[in-house]
Amino acid sequence: MNIFKNEWGDPEDPDGISVDADVLPDGSLRVSGTDYGKSARNFSGNDEYDYGLHIPADSIPQFSLELLKRSFNLKGPLTFSKVKSICKNADIAITTWHD
C-alpha cells in the first residue's frame, strides 16, 4: 500500500520519493521506499535508490505505540529515517536494506 508520494522539480525528469507499507502474511511489517530522479542519480549513480525495513510481527504492538507517541509529539513530517530512529530508541529489532 502506498503511504507517501512526493515529486518535485522538472516535470520531464522529476525527483521524487515513494514509500509503501505492507503487513505480510506472518503479521510482520515491511516498509519500503524508492527515491528517484536527479537526486537519486547524484546519491547512488542510478535512476532509482531502493531501501526499506522489516519489523517482526511480535514487535508490531510496541512499534504501534511508539509510533503513536512519537507522532503526537513530532515536529515536521514523519520520515523513513525517523521511523528507523523510533525503532532504535525503543530497542525494536529491525532488518534494513538498500541498494
PDB file of N, CA and C in Angstrom:
ATOM      1  N   MET A   1       0.842  -1.159   0.000  1.00  0.00           N
ATOM      2  CA  MET A   1       0.000   0.000   0.000  1.00  0.00           C
ATOM      3  C   MET A   1       0.902   1.242   0.000  1.00  0.00           C
ATOM      4  N   ASN A   2       0.661   2.136  -0.929  1.00  0.00           N
ATOM      5  CA  ASN A   2       1.443   3.369  -0.970  1.00  0.00           C
ATOM      6  C   ASN A   2       0.984   4.281   0.163  1.00  0.00           C
ATOM      7  N   ILE A   3       1.932   4.706   1.002  1.00  0.00           N
ATOM      8  CA  ILE A   3       1.591   5.573   2.139  1.00  0.00           C
ATOM      9  C   ILE A   3       2.112   6.994   1.976  1.00  0.00           C
ATOM     10  N   PHE A   4       2.993   7.206   0.979  1.00  0.00           N
ATOM     11  CA  PHE A   4       3.528   8.546   0.760  1.00  0.00           C
ATOM     12  C   PHE A   4       4.121   8.625  -0.638  1.00  0.00           C
ATOM     13  N   LYS A   5       3.852   9.741  -1.316  1.00  0.00           N
ATOM     14  CA  LYS A   5       4.490  10.006  -2.604  1.00  0.00           C
ATOM     15  C   LYS A   5       4.605  11.510  -2.762  1.00  0.00           C
ATOM     16  N   ASN A   6       5.778  11.940  -3.217  1.00  0.00           N
ATOM     17  CA  ASN A   6       6.006  13.356  -3.442  1.00  0.00           C
ATOM     18  C   ASN A   6       6.963  13.497  -4.616  1.00  0.00           C
ATOM     19  N   GLU A   7       6.632  14.395  -5.533  1.00  0.00           N
ATOM     20  CA  GLU A   7       7.508  14.708  -6.668  1.00  0.00           C
ATOM     21  C   GLU A   7       7.753  16.202  -6.711  1.00  0.00           C
ATOM     22  N   TRP A   8       8.916  16.576  -7.241  1.00  0.00           N
ATOM     23  CA  TRP A   8       9.269  17.975  -7.374  1.00  0.00           C
ATOM     24  C   TRP A   8      10.245  18.121  -8.542  1.00  0.00           C
ATOM     25  N   GLY A   9      10.500  19.343  -8.915  1.00  0.00           N
ATOM     26  CA  GLY A   9      11.475  19.619  -9.971  1.00  0.00           C
ATOM     27  C   GLY A   9      10.868  19.551 -11.358  1.00  0.00           C
ATOM     28  N   ASP A  10      11.703  19.288 -12.341  1.00  0.00           N
ATOM     29  CA  ASP A  10      11.347  19.253 -13.756  1.00  0.00           C
ATOM     30  C   ASP A  10      10.286  18.182 -14.030  1.00  0.00           C
ATOM     31  N   PRO A  11       9.129  18.561 -14.580  1.00  0.00           N
ATOM     32  CA  PRO A  11       8.091  17.571 -14.859  1.00  0.00           C
ATOM     33  C   PRO A  11       8.538  16.493 -15.864  1.00  0.00           C
ATOM     34  N   GLU A  12       9.517  16.819 -16.714  1.00  0.00           N
ATOM     35  CA  GLU A  12      10.032  15.850 -17.679  1.00  0.00           C
ATOM     36  C   GLU A  12      10.981  14.841 -17.045  1.00  0.00           C
ATOM     37  N   ASP A  13      11.603  15.204 -15.933  1.00  0.00           N
ATOM     38  CA  ASP A  13      12.527  14.318 -15.207  1.00  0.00           C
ATOM     39  C   ASP A  13      12.411  14.639 -13.715  1.00  0.00           C
ATOM     40  N   PRO A  14      11.255  14.286 -13.128  1.00  0.00           N
ATOM     41  CA  PRO A  14      11.029  14.697 -11.743  1.00  0.00           C
ATOM     42  C   PRO A  14      11.895  13.947 -10.742  1.00  0.00           C
ATOM     43  N   ASP A  15      12.203  14.626  -9.655  1.00  0.00           N
ATOM     44  CA  ASP A  15      12.750  13.979  -8.477  1.00  0.00           C
ATOM     45  C   ASP A  15      11.552  13.542  -7.654  1.00  0.00           C
ATOM     46  N   GLY A  16      11.732  12.490  -6.880  1.00  0.00           N
ATOM     47  CA  GLY A  16      10.605  12.073  -6.066  1.00  0.00           C
ATOM     48  C   GLY A  16      10.956  10.992  -5.073  1.00  0.00           C
ATOM     49  N   ILE A  17       9.964  10.705  -4.255  1.00  0.00           N
ATOM     50  CA  ILE A  17      10.066   9.646  -3.261  1.00  0.00           C
ATOM     51  C   ILE A  17       8.705   8.959  -3.191  1.00  0.00           C
ATOM     52  N   SER A  18       8.741   7.653  -3.065  1.00  0.00           N
ATOM     53  CA  SER A  18       7.533   6.866  -2.880  1.00  0.00           C
ATOM     54  C   SER A  18       7.800   5.866  -1.760  1.00  0.00           C
ATOM     55  N   VAL A  19       6.869   5.772  -0.807  1.00  0.00           N
ATOM     56  CA  VAL A  19       7.028   4.858   0.327  1.00  0.00           C
ATOM     57  C   VAL A  19       5.791   3.967   0.398  1.00  0.00           C
ATOM     58  N   ASP A  20       6.026   2.671   0.517  1.00  0.00           N
ATOM     59  CA  ASP A  20       4.966   1.674   0.652  1.00  0.00           C
ATOM     60  C   ASP A  20       5.099   0.980   1.995  1.00  0.00           C
ATOM     61  N   ALA A  21       3.973   0.520   2.525  1.00  0.00           N
ATOM     62  CA  ALA A  21       3.973  -0.286   3.747  1.00  0.00           C
ATOM     63  C   ALA A  21       3.009  -1.445   3.538  1.00  0.00           C
ATOM     64  N   ASP A  22       3.444  -2.629   3.939  1.00  0.00           N
ATOM     65  CA  ASP A  22       2.618  -3.826   3.775  1.00  0.00           C
ATOM     66  C   ASP A  22       2.728  -4.707   5.000  1.00  0.00           C
ATOM     67  N   VAL A  23       1.582  -5.198   5.462  1.00  0.00           N
ATOM     68  CA  VAL A  23       1.566  -6.216   6.501  1.00  0.00           C
ATOM     69  C   VAL A  23       1.693  -7.551   5.767  1.00  0.00           C
ATOM     70  N   LEU A  24       2.710  -8.317   6.121  1.00  0.00           N
ATOM     71  CA  LEU A  24       2.969  -9.590   5.468  1.00  0.00           C
ATOM     72  C   LEU A  24       2.108 -10.691   6.093  1.00  0.00           C
ATOM     73  N   PRO A  25       1.963 -11.817   5.400  1.00  0.00           N
ATOM     74  CA  PRO A  25       1.110 -12.901   5.917  1.00  0.00           C
ATOM     75  C   PRO A  25       1.448 -13.347   7.340  1.00  0.00           C
ATOM     76  N   ASP A  26       2.703 -13.214   7.752  1.00  0.00           N
ATOM     77  CA  ASP A  26       3.086 -13.623   9.109  1.00  0.00           C
ATOM     78  C   ASP A  26       2.824 -12.544  10.159  1.00  0.00           C
ATOM     79  N   GLY A  27       2.218 -11.409   9.734  1.00  0.00           N
ATOM     80  CA  GLY A  27       1.903 -10.329  10.662  1.00  0.00           C
ATOM     81  C   GLY A  27       3.003  -9.304  10.826  1.00  0.00           C
ATOM     82  N   SER A  28       4.143  -9.512  10.176  1.00  0.00           N
ATOM     83  CA  SER A  28       5.230  -8.534  10.241  1.00  0.00           C
ATOM     84  C   SER A  28       4.932  -7.375   9.291  1.00  0.00           C
ATOM     85  N   LEU A  29       5.716  -6.326   9.416  1.00  0.00           N
ATOM     86  CA  LEU A  29       5.514  -5.120   8.619  1.00  0.00           C
ATOM     87  C   LEU A  29       6.741  -4.847   7.773  1.00  0.00           C
ATOM     88  N   ARG A  30       6.504  -4.574   6.500  1.00  0.00           N
ATOM     89  CA  ARG A  30       7.585  -4.204   5.580  1.00  0.00           C
ATOM     90  C   ARG A  30       7.303  -2.782   5.101  1.00  0.00           C
ATOM     91  N   VAL A  31       8.281  -1.897   5.307  1.00  0.00           N
ATOM     92  CA  VAL A  31       8.203  -0.522   4.818  1.00  0.00           C
ATOM     93  C   VAL A  31       9.326  -0.358   3.805  1.00  0.00           C
ATOM     94  N   SER A  32       8.968   0.032   2.587  1.00  0.00           N
ATOM     95  CA  SER A  32       9.985   0.173   1.548  1.00  0.00           C
ATOM     96  C   SER A  32       9.812   1.504   0.836  1.00  0.00           C
ATOM     97  N   GLY A  33      10.932   2.070   0.437  1.00  0.00           N
ATOM     98  CA  GLY A  33      10.913   3.357  -0.236  1.00  0.00           C
ATOM     99  C   GLY A  33      11.773   3.358  -1.475  1.00  0.00           C
ATOM    100  N   THR A  34      11.445   4.257  -2.377  1.00  0.00           N
ATOM    101  CA  THR A  34      12.232   4.469  -3.587  1.00  0.00           C
ATOM    102  C   THR A  34      12.395   5.964  -3.789  1.00  0.00           C
ATOM    103  N   ASP A  35      13.642   6.406  -3.859  1.00  0.00           N
ATOM    104  CA  ASP A  35      13.949   7.765  -4.286  1.00  0.00           C
ATOM    105  C   ASP A  35      14.290   7.683  -5.757  1.00  0.00           C
ATOM    106  N   TYR A  36      13.881   8.667  -6.541  1.00  0.00           N
ATOM    107  CA  TYR A  36      14.151   8.607  -7.977  1.00  0.00           C
ATOM    108  C   TYR A  36      14.417   9.993  -8.539  1.00  0.00           C
ATOM    109  N   GLY A  37      14.970   9.991  -9.742  1.00  0.00           N
ATOM    110  CA  GLY A  37      15.270  11.239 -10.426  1.00  0.00           C
ATOM    111  C   GLY A  37      16.701  11.693 -10.180  1.00  0.00           C
ATOM    112  N   LYS A  38      16.926  12.972 -10.438  1.00  0.00           N
ATOM    113  CA  LYS A  38      18.267  13.552 -10.338  1.00  0.00           C
ATOM    114  C   LYS A  38      18.883  13.359  -8.956  1.00  0.00           C
ATOM    115  N   SER A  39      18.089  13.549  -7.912  1.00  0.00           N
ATOM    116  CA  SER A  39      18.639  13.403  -6.560  1.00  0.00           C
ATOM    117  C   SER A  39      19.113  11.973  -6.319  1.00  0.00           C
ATOM    118  N   ALA A  40      18.390  10.977  -6.818  1.00  0.00           N
ATOM    119  CA  ALA A  40      18.829   9.579  -6.684  1.00  0.00           C
ATOM    120  C   ALA A  40      20.088   9.330  -7.501  1.00  0.00           C
ATOM    121  N   ARG A  41      20.138   9.894  -8.704  1.00  0.00           N
ATOM    122  CA  ARG A  41      21.335   9.731  -9.549  1.00  0.00           C
ATOM    123  C   ARG A  41      22.557  10.354  -8.886  1.00  0.00           C
ATOM    124  N   ASN A  42      22.377  11.535  -8.279  1.00  0.00           N
ATOM    125  CA  ASN A  42      23.502  12.198  -7.613  1.00  0.00           C
ATOM    126  C   ASN A  42      23.979  11.404  -6.393  1.00  0.00           C
ATOM    127  N   PHE A  43      23.051  10.738  -5.711  1.00  0.00           N
ATOM    128  CA  PHE A  43      23.385   9.992  -4.499  1.00  0.00           C
ATOM    129  C   PHE A  43      23.933   8.603  -4.810  1.00  0.00           C
ATOM    130  N   SER A  44      23.251   7.885  -5.709  1.00  0.00           N
ATOM    131  CA  SER A  44      23.590   6.476  -5.927  1.00  0.00           C
ATOM    132  C   SER A  44      24.167   6.158  -7.297  1.00  0.00           C
ATOM    133  N   GLY A  45      24.044   7.098  -8.218  1.00  0.00           N
ATOM    134  CA  GLY A  45      24.509   6.835  -9.577  1.00  0.00           C
ATOM    135  C   GLY A  45      23.466   6.124 -10.422  1.00  0.00           C
ATOM    136  N   ASN A  46      22.315   5.803  -9.847  1.00  0.00           N
ATOM    137  CA  ASN A  46      21.235   5.131 -10.566  1.00  0.00           C
ATOM    138  C   ASN A  46      19.999   6.023 -10.595  1.00  0.00           C
ATOM    139  N   ASP A  47      19.078   5.724 -11.521  1.00  0.00           N
ATOM    140  CA  ASP A  47      17.842   6.492 -11.607  1.00  0.00           C
ATOM    141  C   ASP A  47      16.966   6.314 -10.376  1.00  0.00           C
ATOM    142  N   GLU A  48      17.107   5.149  -9.706  1.00  0.00           N
ATOM    143  CA  GLU A  48      16.315   4.871  -8.518  1.00  0.00           C
ATOM    144  C   GLU A  48      17.207   4.338  -7.401  1.00  0.00           C
ATOM    145  N   TYR A  49      16.818   4.623  -6.164  1.00  0.00           N
ATOM    146  CA  TYR A  49      17.509   4.108  -4.995  1.00  0.00           C
ATOM    147  C   TYR A  49      16.446   3.510  -4.078  1.00  0.00           C
ATOM    148  N   ASP A  50      16.511   2.204  -3.870  1.00  0.00           N
ATOM    149  CA  ASP A  50      15.523   1.488  -3.074  1.00  0.00           C
ATOM    150  C   ASP A  50      16.074   1.189  -1.681  1.00  0.00           C
ATOM    151  N   TYR A  51      15.189   1.206  -0.695  1.00  0.00           N
ATOM    152  CA  TYR A  51      15.577   0.936   0.689  1.00  0.00           C
ATOM    153  C   TYR A  51      14.345   0.484   1.452  1.00  0.00           C
ATOM    154  N   GLY A  52      14.558  -0.074   2.610  1.00  0.00           N
ATOM    155  CA  GLY A  52      13.409  -0.486   3.394  1.00  0.00           C
ATOM    156  C   GLY A  52      13.787  -1.041   4.741  1.00  0.00           C
ATOM    157  N   LEU A  53      12.747  -1.412   5.475  1.00  0.00           N
ATOM    158  CA  LEU A  53      12.943  -2.055   6.765  1.00  0.00           C
ATOM    159  C   LEU A  53      11.828  -3.060   7.003  1.00  0.00           C
ATOM    160  N   HIS A  54      12.128  -4.012   7.854  1.00  0.00           N
ATOM    161  CA  HIS A  54      11.189  -5.070   8.201  1.00  0.00           C
ATOM    162  C   HIS A  54      11.100  -5.140   9.720  1.00  0.00           C
ATOM    163  N   ILE A  55       9.864  -5.121  10.222  1.00  0.00           N
ATOM    164  CA  ILE A  55       9.620  -5.218  11.662  1.00  0.00           C
ATOM    165  C   ILE A  55       8.915  -6.542  11.921  1.00  0.00           C
ATOM    166  N   PRO A  56       9.485  -7.389  12.778  1.00  0.00           N
ATOM    167  CA  PRO A  56       8.856  -8.685  13.055  1.00  0.00           C
ATOM    168  C   PRO A  56       7.473  -8.535  13.690  1.00  0.00           C
ATOM    169  N   ALA A  57       6.629  -9.529  13.474  1.00  0.00           N
ATOM    170  CA  ALA A  57       5.247  -9.496  13.959  1.00  0.00           C
ATOM    171  C   ALA A  57       5.163  -9.273  15.465  1.00  0.00           C
ATOM    172  N   ASP A  58       6.041  -9.895  16.228  1.00  0.00           N
ATOM    173  CA  ASP A  58       5.947  -9.763  17.679  1.00  0.00           C
ATOM    174  C   ASP A  58       6.346  -8.375  18.184  1.00  0.00           C
ATOM    175  N   SER A  59       6.914  -7.547  17.317  1.00  0.00           N
ATOM    176  CA  SER A  59       7.281  -6.176  17.696  1.00  0.00           C
ATOM    177  C   SER A  59       6.263  -5.140  17.232  1.00  0.00           C
ATOM    178  N   ILE A  60       5.251  -5.558  16.483  1.00  0.00           N
ATOM    179  CA  ILE A  60       4.277  -4.606  15.925  1.00  0.00           C
ATOM    180  C   ILE A  60       3.492  -3.872  17.015  1.00  0.00           C
ATOM    181  N   PRO A  61       3.009  -4.535  18.076  1.00  0.00           N
ATOM    182  CA  PRO A  61       2.297  -3.768  19.114  1.00  0.00           C
ATOM    183  C   PRO A  61       3.169  -2.664  19.735  1.00  0.00           C
ATOM    184  N   GLN A  62       4.404  -2.984  20.082  1.00  0.00           N
ATOM    185  CA  GLN A  62       5.297  -1.976  20.661  1.00  0.00           C
ATOM    186  C   GLN A  62       5.586  -0.875  19.650  1.00  0.00           C
ATOM    187  N   PHE A  63       5.829  -1.248  18.401  1.00  0.00           N
ATOM    188  CA  PHE A  63       6.095  -0.266  17.352  1.00  0.00           C
ATOM    189  C   PHE A  63       4.888   0.664  17.188  1.00  0.00           C
ATOM    190  N   SER A  64       3.697   0.110  17.200  1.00  0.00           N
ATOM    191  CA  SER A  64       2.482   0.921  17.038  1.00  0.00           C
ATOM    192  C   SER A  64       2.379   1.977  18.131  1.00  0.00           C
ATOM    193  N   LEU A  65       2.624   1.570  19.377  1.00  0.00           N
ATOM    194  CA  LEU A  65       2.556   2.527  20.490  1.00  0.00           C
ATOM    195  C   LEU A  65       3.659   3.576  20.395  1.00  0.00           C
ATOM    196  N   GLU A  66       4.860   3.152  20.052  1.00  0.00           N
ATOM    197  CA  GLU A  66       5.969   4.102  19.911  1.00  0.00           C
ATOM    198  C   GLU A  66       5.701   5.079  18.778  1.00  0.00           C
ATOM    199  N   LEU A  67       5.135   4.589  17.691  1.00  0.00           N
ATOM    200  CA  LEU A  67       4.822   5.447  16.545  1.00  0.00           C
ATOM    201  C   LEU A  67       3.766   6.476  16.922  1.00  0.00           C
ATOM    202  N   LEU A  68       2.742   6.043  17.648  1.00  0.00           N
ATOM    203  CA  LEU A  68       1.725   6.991  18.106  1.00  0.00           C
ATOM    204  C   LEU A  68       2.326   8.036  19.040  1.00  0.00           C
ATOM    205  N   LYS A  69       3.117   7.588  19.995  1.00  0.00           N
ATOM    206  CA  LYS A  69       3.747   8.517  20.938  1.00  0.00           C
ATOM    207  C   LYS A  69       4.587   9.549  20.183  1.00  0.00           C
ATOM    208  N   ARG A  70       5.385   9.075  19.265  1.00  0.00           N
ATOM    209  CA  ARG A  70       6.254   9.983  18.512  1.00  0.00           C
ATOM    210  C   ARG A  70       5.454  10.904  17.599  1.00  0.00           C
ATOM    211  N   SER A  71       4.422  10.368  16.950  1.00  0.00           N
ATOM    212  CA  SER A  71       3.634  11.163  16.004  1.00  0.00           C
ATOM    213  C   SER A  71       2.914  12.316  16.690  1.00  0.00           C
ATOM    214  N   PHE A  72       2.414  12.080  17.899  1.00  0.00           N
ATOM    215  CA  PHE A  72       1.720  13.144  18.611  1.00  0.00           C
ATOM    216  C   PHE A  72       2.678  14.248  19.059  1.00  0.00           C
ATOM    217  N   ASN A  73       3.963  13.954  19.112  1.00  0.00           N
ATOM    218  CA  ASN A  73       4.952  14.928  19.561  1.00  0.00           C
ATOM    219  C   ASN A  73       5.922  15.356  18.467  1.00  0.00           C
ATOM    220  N   LEU A  74       5.644  14.973  17.252  1.00  0.00           N
ATOM    221  CA  LEU A  74       6.559  15.189  16.135  1.00  0.00           C
ATOM    222  C   LEU A  74       6.451  16.604  15.576  1.00  0.00           C
ATOM    223  N   LYS A  75       7.598  17.191  15.315  1.00  0.00           N
ATOM    224  CA  LYS A  75       7.650  18.461  14.606  1.00  0.00           C
ATOM    225  C   LYS A  75       8.093  18.132  13.194  1.00  0.00           C
ATOM    226  N   GLY A  76       7.257  18.425  12.221  1.00  0.00           N
ATOM    227  CA  GLY A  76       7.564  18.108  10.836  1.00  0.00           C
ATOM    228  C   GLY A  76       7.029  16.731  10.461  1.00  0.00           C
ATOM    229  N   PRO A  77       7.185  16.381   9.205  1.00  0.00           N
ATOM    230  CA  PRO A  77       6.626  15.121   8.711  1.00  0.00           C
ATOM    231  C   PRO A  77       7.385  13.898   9.225  1.00  0.00           C
ATOM    232  N   LEU A  78       6.680  12.795   9.305  1.00  0.00           N
ATOM    233  CA  LEU A  78       7.304  11.523   9.634  1.00  0.00           C
ATOM    234  C   LEU A  78       8.095  11.077   8.410  1.00  0.00           C
ATOM    235  N   THR A  79       9.332  10.688   8.608  1.00  0.00           N
ATOM    236  CA  THR A  79      10.182  10.237   7.507  1.00  0.00           C
ATOM    237  C   THR A  79      10.675   8.826   7.771  1.00  0.00           C
ATOM    238  N   PHE A  80      11.229   8.220   6.744  1.00  0.00           N
ATOM    239  CA  PHE A  80      11.784   6.876   6.880  1.00  0.00           C
ATOM    240  C   PHE A  80      12.869   6.870   7.965  1.00  0.00           C
ATOM    241  N   SER A  81      13.718   7.868   7.962  1.00  0.00           N
ATOM    242  CA  SER A  81      14.780   7.963   8.975  1.00  0.00           C
ATOM    243  C   SER A  81      14.211   8.068  10.385  1.00  0.00           C
ATOM    244  N   LYS A  82      13.118   8.803  10.543  1.00  0.00           N
ATOM    245  CA  LYS A  82      12.505   8.933  11.862  1.00  0.00           C
ATOM    246  C   LYS A  82      11.891   7.609  12.313  1.00  0.00           C
ATOM    247  N   VAL A  83      11.329   6.834  11.378  1.00  0.00           N
ATOM    248  CA  VAL A  83      10.806   5.512  11.731  1.00  0.00           C
ATOM    249  C   VAL A  83      11.948   4.623  12.214  1.00  0.00           C
ATOM    250  N   LYS A  84      13.082   4.669  11.527  1.00  0.00           N
ATOM    251  CA  LYS A  84      14.251   3.891  11.973  1.00  0.00           C
ATOM    252  C   LYS A  84      14.692   4.332  13.361  1.00  0.00           C
ATOM    253  N   SER A  85      14.688   5.632  13.621  1.00  0.00           N
ATOM    254  CA  SER A  85      15.078   6.150  14.941  1.00  0.00           C
ATOM    255  C   SER A  85      14.107   5.711  16.026  1.00  0.00           C
ATOM    256  N   ILE A  86      12.815   5.726  15.716  1.00  0.00           N
ATOM    257  CA  ILE A  86      11.813   5.261  16.676  1.00  0.00           C
ATOM    258  C   ILE A  86      12.127   3.828  17.082  1.00  0.00           C
ATOM    259  N   CYS A  87      12.406   2.987  16.099  1.00  0.00           N
ATOM    260  CA  CYS A  87      12.717   1.579  16.380  1.00  0.00           C
ATOM    261  C   CYS A  87      13.992   1.457  17.203  1.00  0.00           C
ATOM    262  N   LYS A  88      15.023   2.199  16.827  1.00  0.00           N
ATOM    263  CA  LYS A  88      16.289   2.131  17.551  1.00  0.00           C
ATOM    264  C   LYS A  88      16.123   2.574  19.000  1.00  0.00           C
ATOM    265  N   ASN A  89      15.444   3.699  19.209  1.00  0.00           N
ATOM    266  CA  ASN A  89      15.276   4.238  20.556  1.00  0.00           C
ATOM    267  C   ASN A  89      14.416   3.351  21.443  1.00  0.00           C
ATOM    268  N   ALA A  90      13.530   2.561  20.832  1.00  0.00           N
ATOM    269  CA  ALA A  90      12.655   1.676  21.602  1.00  0.00           C
ATOM    270  C   ALA A  90      13.189   0.240  21.646  1.00  0.00           C
ATOM    271  N   ASP A  91      14.411   0.042  21.159  1.00  0.00           N
ATOM    272  CA  ASP A  91      15.018  -1.291  21.119  1.00  0.00           C
ATOM    273  C   ASP A  91      14.152  -2.299  20.370  1.00  0.00           C
ATOM    274  N   ILE A  92      13.540  -1.852  19.274  1.00  0.00           N
ATOM    275  CA  ILE A  92      12.773  -2.734  18.401  1.00  0.00           C
ATOM    276  C   ILE A  92      13.720  -3.222  17.318  1.00  0.00           C
ATOM    277  N   ALA A  93      13.909  -4.521  17.266  1.00  0.00           N
ATOM    278  CA  ALA A  93      14.822  -5.106  16.276  1.00  0.00           C
ATOM    279  C   ALA A  93      14.209  -5.010  14.889  1.00  0.00           C
ATOM    280  N   ILE A  94      14.962  -4.459  13.958  1.00  0.00           N
ATOM    281  CA  ILE A  94      14.514  -4.372  12.572  1.00  0.00           C
ATOM    282  C   ILE A  94      15.615  -4.887  11.658  1.00  0.00           C
ATOM    283  N   THR A  95      15.206  -5.234  10.470  1.00  0.00           N
ATOM    284  CA  THR A  95      16.138  -5.568   9.398  1.00  0.00           C
ATOM    285  C   THR A  95      16.013  -4.473   8.350  1.00  0.00           C
ATOM    286  N   THR A  96      17.140  -3.931   7.898  1.00  0.00           N
ATOM    287  CA  THR A  96      17.100  -2.888   6.870  1.00  0.00           C
ATOM    288  C   THR A  96      17.820  -3.355   5.629  1.00  0.00           C
ATOM    289  N   TRP A  97      17.525  -2.714   4.514  1.00  0.00           N
ATOM    290  CA  TRP A  97      18.235  -2.986   3.256  1.00  0.00           C
ATOM    291  C   TRP A  97      18.247  -1.718   2.413  1.00  0.00           C
ATOM    292  N   HIS A  98      19.128  -1.684   1.461  1.00  0.00           N
ATOM    293  CA  HIS A  98      19.203  -0.592   0.487  1.00  0.00           C
ATOM    294  C   HIS A  98      20.040  -1.044  -0.687  1.00  0.00           C
ATOM    295  N   ASP A  99      19.878  -0.322  -1.800  1.00  0.00           N
ATOM    296  CA  ASP A  99      20.679  -0.605  -2.993  1.00  0.00           C
ATOM    297  C   ASP A  99      22.116  -0.246  -2.768  1.00  0.00           C
TER     298      ASP A  99
END
